Amino acid sequence: MDADDCCEVLKNLSAANFADRIESEITGEWMYVFKPRVAGTGLYVKLILRSDCVFVSFHEEDTEDGNQGSA
């Protein structure tokens, strides 16, 4: 995925894609987890919202239970 693809995924996230809210073990910040499907592939998208920026992490869902894999 390139930057444009990532922006398109973020633009199309919906409440139906929301999976969880977890606290970062490192910073204590809340991470919002979404699991959209793109071109038949499950993604694991984590967002951290800060006052001056947004951190985004994309991973391919590659485990049988649908959790984040090592990709």
C-alpha atoms as a PDB file:
ATOM      1  CA  MET A   1       0.000   0.000   0.000  1.00  0.00           C
ATOM      2  CA  ASP A   2       1.237   3.478  -0.812  1.00  0.00           C
ATOM      3  CA  ALA A   3       0.344   6.745   0.939  1.00  0.00           C
ATOM      4  CA  ASP A   4      -2.674   7.328  -1.308  1.00  0.00           C
ATOM      5  CA  ASP A   5      -4.017   3.843  -0.546  1.00  0.00           C
ATOM      6  CA  CYS A   6      -3.623   4.443   3.189  1.00  0.00           C
ATOM      7  CA  CYS A   7      -5.434   7.777   2.958  1.00  0.00           C
ATOM      8  CA  GLU A   8      -8.276   6.099   1.051  1.00  0.00           C
ATOM      9  CA  VAL A   9      -8.618   3.412   3.743  1.00  0.00           C
ATOM     10  CA  LEU A  10      -8.728   6.085   6.469  1.00  0.00           C
ATOM     11  CA  LYS A  11     -11.276   8.128   4.535  1.00  0.00           C
ATOM     12  CA  ASN A  12     -13.569   5.098   4.209  1.00  0.00           C
ATOM     13  CA  LEU A  13     -13.421   3.865   7.818  1.00  0.00           C
ATOM     14  CA  SER A  14     -16.844   3.550   9.408  1.00  0.00           C
ATOM     15  CA  ALA A  15     -18.305   2.606  12.764  1.00  0.00           C
ATOM     16  CA  ALA A  16     -18.845  -0.895  11.350  1.00  0.00           C
ATOM     17  CA  ASN A  17     -15.035  -1.238  11.035  1.00  0.00           C
ATOM     18  CA  PHE A  18     -14.432  -0.333  14.693  1.00  0.00           C
ATOM     19  CA  ALA A  19     -13.045  -3.296  16.661  1.00  0.00           C
ATOM     20  CA  ASP A  20     -11.622  -2.103  19.986  1.00  0.00           C
ATOM     21  CA  ARG A  21     -10.078   0.644  22.071  1.00  0.00           C
ATOM     22  CA  ILE A  22      -6.928  -0.348  23.917  1.00  0.00           C
ATOM     23  CA  GLU A  23      -4.469   1.515  26.090  1.00  0.00           C
ATOM     24  CA  SER A  24      -0.888   1.733  24.848  1.00  0.00           C
ATOM     25  CA  GLU A  25       1.464  -0.087  27.190  1.00  0.00           C
ATOM     26  CA  ILE A  26       4.196   2.400  26.282  1.00  0.00           C
ATOM     27  CA  THR A  27       2.501   5.819  26.405  1.00  0.00           C
ATOM     28  CA  GLY A  28      -0.799   5.144  28.186  1.00  0.00           C
ATOM     29  CA  GLU A  29      -2.653   6.749  25.260  1.00  0.00           C
ATOM     30  CA  TRP A  30      -5.833   5.241  23.842  1.00  0.00           C
ATOM     31  CA  MET A  31      -5.458   3.419  20.529  1.00  0.00           C
ATOM     32  CA  TYR A  32      -8.551   2.999  18.417  1.00  0.00           C
ATOM     33  CA  VAL A  33      -8.514  -0.245  16.440  1.00  0.00           C
ATOM     34  CA  PHE A  34     -10.373  -0.728  13.172  1.00  0.00           C
ATOM     35  CA  LYS A  35     -10.556  -3.870  11.021  1.00  0.00           C
ATOM     36  CA  PRO A  36     -11.623  -2.943   7.488  1.00  0.00           C
ATOM     37  CA  ARG A  37     -11.389  -5.258   4.487  1.00  0.00           C
ATOM     38  CA  VAL A  38      -9.655  -3.876   1.403  1.00  0.00           C
ATOM     39  CA  ALA A  39      -9.519  -5.830  -1.859  1.00  0.00           C
ATOM     40  CA  GLY A  40     -10.345  -9.028   0.038  1.00  0.00           C
ATOM     41  CA  THR A  41      -7.614  -8.502   2.622  1.00  0.00           C
ATOM     42  CA  GLY A  42      -8.341  -7.843   6.288  1.00  0.00           C
ATOM     43  CA  LEU A  43      -6.424  -4.923   7.750  1.00  0.00           C
ATOM     44  CA  TYR A  44      -5.671  -4.020  11.350  1.00  0.00           C
ATOM     45  CA  VAL A  45      -5.566  -0.216  11.634  1.00  0.00           C
ATOM     46  CA  LYS A  46      -4.604   1.520  14.895  1.00  0.00           C
ATOM     47  CA  LEU A  47      -5.109   5.257  15.433  1.00  0.00           C
ATOM     48  CA  ILE A  48      -3.772   7.427  18.234  1.00  0.00           C
ATOM     49  CA  LEU A  49      -5.240  10.922  18.325  1.00  0.00           C
ATOM     50  CA  ARG A  50      -3.165  13.758  19.739  1.00  0.00           C
ATOM     51  CA  SER A  51      -3.873  17.472  19.830  1.00  0.00           C
ATOM     52  CA  ASP A  52      -1.260  18.207  17.168  1.00  0.00           C
ATOM     53  CA  CYS A  53      -1.234  15.016  15.073  1.00  0.00           C
ATOM     54  CA  VAL A  54      -2.652  11.553  14.392  1.00  0.00           C
ATOM     55  CA  PHE A  55      -0.534   8.396  14.508  1.00  0.00           C
ATOM     56  CA  VAL A  56      -1.631   5.580  12.231  1.00  0.00           C
ATOM     57  CA  SER A  57      -0.422   1.982  12.050  1.00  0.00           C
ATOM     58  CA  PHE A  58      -1.490  -0.474   9.328  1.00  0.00           C
ATOM     59  CA  HIS A  59      -0.982  -4.244   9.525  1.00  0.00           C
ATOM     60  CA  GLU A  60      -2.363  -7.112   7.509  1.00  0.00           C
ATOM     61  CA  GLU A  61      -4.648  -9.391   9.494  1.00  0.00           C
ATOM     62  CA  ASP A  62      -2.994 -12.772   9.129  1.00  0.00           C
ATOM     63  CA  THR A  63      -4.126 -14.952  11.996  1.00  0.00           C
ATOM     64  CA  GLU A  64      -7.043 -17.350  12.061  1.00  0.00           C
ATOM     65  CA  ASP A  65      -8.746 -15.492  14.915  1.00  0.00           C
ATOM     66  CA  GLY A  66      -8.540 -12.173  13.059  1.00  0.00           C
ATOM     67  CA  ASN A  67      -6.004 -10.567  15.396  1.00  0.00           C
ATOM     68  CA  GLN A  68      -2.955  -8.624  14.372  1.00  0.00           C
ATOM     69  CA  GLY A  69      -0.240 -10.826  13.023  1.00  0.00           C
ATOM     70  CA  SER A  70       3.411 -10.163  12.607  1.00  0.00           C
ATOM     71  CA  ALA A  71       3.045  -8.520   9.181  1.00  0.00           C
END
